[in-house]
C-alpha atoms as a PDB file:
ATOM      1  CA  MET A   1      27.453 -96.597  50.624  1.00  0.00           C
ATOM      2  CA  THR A   2      30.771 -97.247  48.905  1.00  0.00           C
ATOM      3  CA  GLN A   3      33.011 -94.191  48.683  1.00  0.00           C
ATOM      4  CA  PRO A   4      34.373 -93.195  45.271  1.00  0.00           C
ATOM      5  CA  THR A   5      38.089 -93.837  44.834  1.00  0.00           C
ATOM      6  CA  ASP A   6      38.740 -90.210  43.865  1.00  0.00           C
ATOM      7  CA  ARG A   7      37.050 -88.782  46.990  1.00  0.00           C
ATOM      8  CA  ARG A   8      39.548 -86.574  48.786  1.00  0.00           C
ATOM      9  CA  LEU A   9      39.598 -84.225  51.730  1.00  0.00           C
ATOM     10  CA  ALA A  10      38.963 -80.771  50.272  1.00  0.00           C
ATOM     11  CA  LEU A  11      38.510 -78.762  53.464  1.00  0.00           C
ATOM     12  CA  ARG A  12      38.815 -79.300  57.215  1.00  0.00           C
ATOM     13  CA  VAL A  13      37.382 -76.748  59.625  1.00  0.00           C
ATOM     14  CA  SER A  14      37.150 -76.460  63.393  1.00  0.00           C
ATOM     15  CA  THR A  15      33.778 -75.081  64.437  1.00  0.00           C
ATOM     16  CA  LEU A  16      33.717 -71.978  66.627  1.00  0.00           C
ATOM     17  CA  PRO A  17      31.246 -70.327  69.035  1.00  0.00           C
ATOM     18  CA  ARG A  18      30.758 -67.367  66.650  1.00  0.00           C
ATOM     19  CA  ASP A  19      29.098 -69.775  64.173  1.00  0.00           C
ATOM     20  CA  THR A  20      26.329 -70.953  66.508  1.00  0.00           C
ATOM     21  CA  ASN A  21      22.622 -70.309  66.314  1.00  0.00           C
ATOM     22  CA  PRO A  22      20.477 -69.592  69.402  1.00  0.00           C
ATOM     23  CA  TYR A  23      20.183 -73.374  69.996  1.00  0.00           C
ATOM     24  CA  GLY A  24      23.924 -73.872  70.396  1.00  0.00           C
ATOM     25  CA  THR A  25      24.553 -75.663  67.123  1.00  0.00           C
ATOM     26  CA  ILE A  26      26.327 -74.399  64.019  1.00  0.00           C
ATOM     27  CA  PHE A  27      24.208 -72.377  61.584  1.00  0.00           C
ATOM     28  CA  GLY A  28      23.305 -74.296  58.427  1.00  0.00           C
ATOM     29  CA  GLY A  29      24.414 -71.302  56.361  1.00  0.00           C
ATOM     30  CA  VAL A  30      27.930 -71.604  57.753  1.00  0.00           C
ATOM     31  CA  ILE A  31      28.051 -75.229  56.626  1.00  0.00           C
ATOM     32  CA  LEU A  32      26.670 -74.241  53.203  1.00  0.00           C
ATOM     33  CA  SER A  33      29.525 -71.751  52.888  1.00  0.00           C
ATOM     34  CA  TYR A  34      32.037 -74.512  53.600  1.00  0.00           C
ATOM     35  CA  ILE A  35      30.344 -76.740  50.998  1.00  0.00           C
ATOM     36  CA  ASP A  36      30.718 -73.924  48.458  1.00  0.00           C
ATOM     37  CA  GLN A  37      34.408 -73.549  49.322  1.00  0.00           C
ATOM     38  CA  ALA A  38      35.025 -77.297  49.026  1.00  0.00           C
ATOM     39  CA  GLY A  39      33.301 -77.297  45.618  1.00  0.00           C
ATOM     40  CA  ALA A  40      35.520 -74.449  44.428  1.00  0.00           C
ATOM     41  CA  ILE A  41      38.636 -76.237  45.668  1.00  0.00           C
ATOM     42  CA  GLU A  42      37.675 -79.358  43.727  1.00  0.00           C
ATOM     43  CA  ALA A  43      36.856 -77.326  40.582  1.00  0.00           C
ATOM     44  CA  ARG A  44      40.202 -75.545  40.807  1.00  0.00           C
ATOM     45  CA  ARG A  45      41.945 -78.908  40.397  1.00  0.00           C
ATOM     46  CA  HIS A  46      40.738 -78.814  36.779  1.00  0.00           C
ATOM     47  CA  ALA A  47      42.001 -75.315  35.964  1.00  0.00           C
ATOM     48  CA  HIS A  48      43.292 -72.229  37.727  1.00  0.00           C
ATOM     49  CA  HIS A  49      40.385 -70.038  36.663  1.00  0.00           C
ATOM     50  CA  ARG A  50      37.764 -68.125  38.567  1.00  0.00           C
ATOM     51  CA  TRP A  51      35.009 -70.541  39.497  1.00  0.00           C
ATOM     52  CA  VAL A  52      31.482 -69.587  40.493  1.00  0.00           C
ATOM     53  CA  THR A  53      28.697 -71.729  41.847  1.00  0.00           C
ATOM     54  CA  VAL A  54      25.672 -71.756  39.557  1.00  0.00           C
ATOM     55  CA  ALA A  55      23.690 -74.581  41.155  1.00  0.00           C
ATOM     56  CA  LEU A  56      23.494 -76.472  44.416  1.00  0.00           C
ATOM     57  CA  ASP A  57      21.101 -79.354  44.846  1.00  0.00           C
ATOM     58  CA  ARG A  58      18.987 -80.189  47.874  1.00  0.00           C
ATOM     59  CA  VAL A  59      20.793 -80.143  51.217  1.00  0.00           C
ATOM     60  CA  GLU A  60      19.325 -82.027  54.156  1.00  0.00           C
ATOM     61  CA  PHE A  61      21.044 -81.805  57.532  1.00  0.00           C
ATOM     62  CA  LYS A  62      21.035 -85.261  59.107  1.00  0.00           C
ATOM     63  CA  GLN A  63      22.988 -84.472  62.277  1.00  0.00           C
ATOM     64  CA  PRO A  64      23.664 -81.267  64.195  1.00  0.00           C
ATOM     65  CA  VAL A  65      27.170 -79.816  64.249  1.00  0.00           C
ATOM     66  CA  ARG A  66      28.412 -78.579  67.610  1.00  0.00           C
ATOM     67  CA  VAL A  67      31.079 -76.145  68.737  1.00  0.00           C
ATOM     68  CA  GLY A  68      34.445 -77.885  68.739  1.00  0.00           C
ATOM     69  CA  ASP A  69      33.520 -80.496  66.136  1.00  0.00           C
ATOM     70  CA  LEU A  70      35.892 -80.835  63.196  1.00  0.00           C
ATOM     71  CA  LEU A  71      34.113 -80.669  59.865  1.00  0.00           C
ATOM     72  CA  ASN A  72      35.658 -82.803  57.144  1.00  0.00           C
ATOM     73  CA  LEU A  73      34.439 -81.952  53.653  1.00  0.00           C
ATOM     74  CA  TYR A  74      35.221 -84.523  50.989  1.00  0.00           C
ATOM     75  CA  ALA A  75      34.813 -83.692  47.315  1.00  0.00           C
ATOM     76  CA  TRP A  76      35.139 -85.338  43.936  1.00  0.00           C
ATOM     77  CA  THR A  77      34.248 -84.537  40.355  1.00  0.00           C
ATOM     78  CA  VAL A  78      31.107 -86.206  39.055  1.00  0.00           C
ATOM     79  CA  LYS A  79      31.364 -84.875  35.495  1.00  0.00           C
ATOM     80  CA  THR A  80      32.914 -82.152  33.417  1.00  0.00           C
ATOM     81  CA  GLY A  81      31.557 -80.045  30.603  1.00  0.00           C
ATOM     82  CA  ARG A  82      33.076 -77.368  28.407  1.00  0.00           C
ATOM     83  CA  THR A  83      32.727 -74.551  30.961  1.00  0.00           C
ATOM     84  CA  SER A  84      31.456 -76.415  34.011  1.00  0.00           C
ATOM     85  CA  VAL A  85      32.394 -79.041  36.549  1.00  0.00           C
ATOM     86  CA  THR A  86      29.839 -80.960  38.607  1.00  0.00           C
ATOM     87  CA  VAL A  87      31.195 -81.677  42.069  1.00  0.00           C
ATOM     88  CA  ARG A  88      29.883 -83.867  44.874  1.00  0.00           C
ATOM     89  CA  VAL A  89      30.650 -82.774  48.447  1.00  0.00           C
ATOM     90  CA  GLU A  90      30.070 -84.876  51.573  1.00  0.00           C
ATOM     91  CA  VAL A  91      30.291 -83.378  55.046  1.00  0.00           C
ATOM     92  CA  GLU A  92      31.221 -85.337  58.149  1.00  0.00           C
ATOM     93  CA  ALA A  93      31.577 -84.088  61.722  1.00  0.00           C
ATOM     94  CA  GLU A  94      34.298 -85.484  63.940  1.00  0.00           C
ATOM     95  CA  ARG A  95      32.854 -85.054  67.419  1.00  0.00           C
ATOM     96  CA  PHE A  96      34.824 -82.985  69.909  1.00  0.00           C
ATOM     97  CA  ASP A  97      33.805 -85.054  72.925  1.00  0.00           C
ATOM     98  CA  ASP A  98      34.390 -88.639  71.792  1.00  0.00           C
ATOM     99  CA  GLY A  99      36.044 -88.526  68.342  1.00  0.00           C
ATOM    100  CA  SER A 100      33.164 -90.343  66.646  1.00  0.00           C
ATOM    101  CA  VAL A 101      32.406 -89.417  63.052  1.00  0.00           C
ATOM    102  CA  VAL A 102      28.882 -88.750  61.805  1.00  0.00           C
ATOM    103  CA  GLY A 103      27.569 -87.864  58.380  1.00  0.00           C
ATOM    104  CA  VAL A 104      26.097 -84.357  58.387  1.00  0.00           C
ATOM    105  CA  THR A 105      25.003 -83.646  54.822  1.00  0.00           C
ATOM    106  CA  SER A 106      25.988 -83.812  51.157  1.00  0.00           C
ATOM    107  CA  ALA A 107      25.402 -81.747  48.055  1.00  0.00           C
ATOM    108  CA  THR A 108      26.110 -81.660  44.353  1.00  0.00           C
ATOM    109  CA  LEU A 109      27.309 -78.337  42.948  1.00  0.00           C
ATOM    110  CA  VAL A 110      27.765 -77.077  39.423  1.00  0.00           C
ATOM    111  CA  MET A 111      30.790 -74.796  39.179  1.00  0.00           C
ATOM    112  CA  VAL A 112      31.404 -72.666  36.080  1.00  0.00           C
ATOM    113  CA  SER A 113      34.721 -71.206  34.948  1.00  0.00           C
ATOM    114  CA  VAL A 114      34.387 -67.478  34.248  1.00  0.00           C
ATOM    115  CA  ASP A 115      36.532 -64.633  32.944  1.00  0.00           C
ATOM    116  CA  HIS A 116      37.135 -61.309  34.699  1.00  0.00           C
ATOM    117  CA  ALA A 117      33.763 -60.020  33.481  1.00  0.00           C
ATOM    118  CA  GLY A 118      31.895 -63.052  34.804  1.00  0.00           C
ATOM    119  CA  ARG A 119      31.287 -64.662  31.392  1.00  0.00           C
ATOM    120  CA  ALA A 120      31.514 -68.450  31.184  1.00  0.00           C
ATOM    121  CA  ILE A 121      34.678 -69.632  29.466  1.00  0.00           C
ATOM    122  CA  PRO A 122      35.992 -73.082  28.603  1.00  0.00           C
ATOM    123  CA  PHE A 123      38.206 -74.130  31.467  1.00  0.00           C
ATOM    124  CA  ALA A 124      40.666 -75.808  29.114  1.00  0.00           C
ATOM    125  CA  GLU A 125      41.761 -72.312  28.023  1.00  0.00           C
ATOM    126  CA  PRO A 126      44.885 -70.790  29.552  1.00  0.00           C
ATOM    127  CA  ARG A 127      44.687 -69.240  32.977  1.00  0.00           C
ATOM    128  CA  PRO A 128      43.380 -65.653  33.135  1.00  0.00           C
ATOM    129  CA  LEU A 129      45.914 -62.851  32.944  1.00  0.00           C
ATOM    130  CA  ALA A 130      48.034 -62.092  36.027  1.00  0.00           C
ATOM    131  CA  GLY A 131      46.183 -58.791  36.540  1.00  0.00           C
ATOM    132  CA  ASP A 132      42.920 -60.674  36.924  1.00  0.00           C
ATOM    133  CA  VAL A 133      42.402 -60.821  40.698  1.00  0.00           C
ATOM    134  CA  GLY A 134      41.402 -64.118  42.293  1.00  0.00           C
ATOM    135  CA  THR A 135      41.142 -67.691  41.162  1.00  0.00           C
ATOM    136  CA  PHE A 136      37.571 -68.438  42.161  1.00  0.00           C
END
């Protein structure tokens, strides 16, 4: 598959023993959390607002992730709306033992820009007030 030209590294994480399941591989939920973070990082490129995830499509894990692997999460914007950004995230694992790179999973997220009360707002509007805690 040809990679999009605007695909960029959004997040890089070293996997740790605390993230393993009883089978010695990284919990899928940990990887889902990283996908969510990468989606928020990509959405934030469009505006410095709070961003929340409102949808995440099907995620299928193709390869296990092991302790010591580096996870590389690449993200790019698929489309934008008035209050939302659709983001594609691809996850690759750089193996600890031999440096090979394998595709782990991918997902498409819909991120929505919200105000301090959690209401959707157009992300073209100015950034929330300084007293508004957080950017995601």
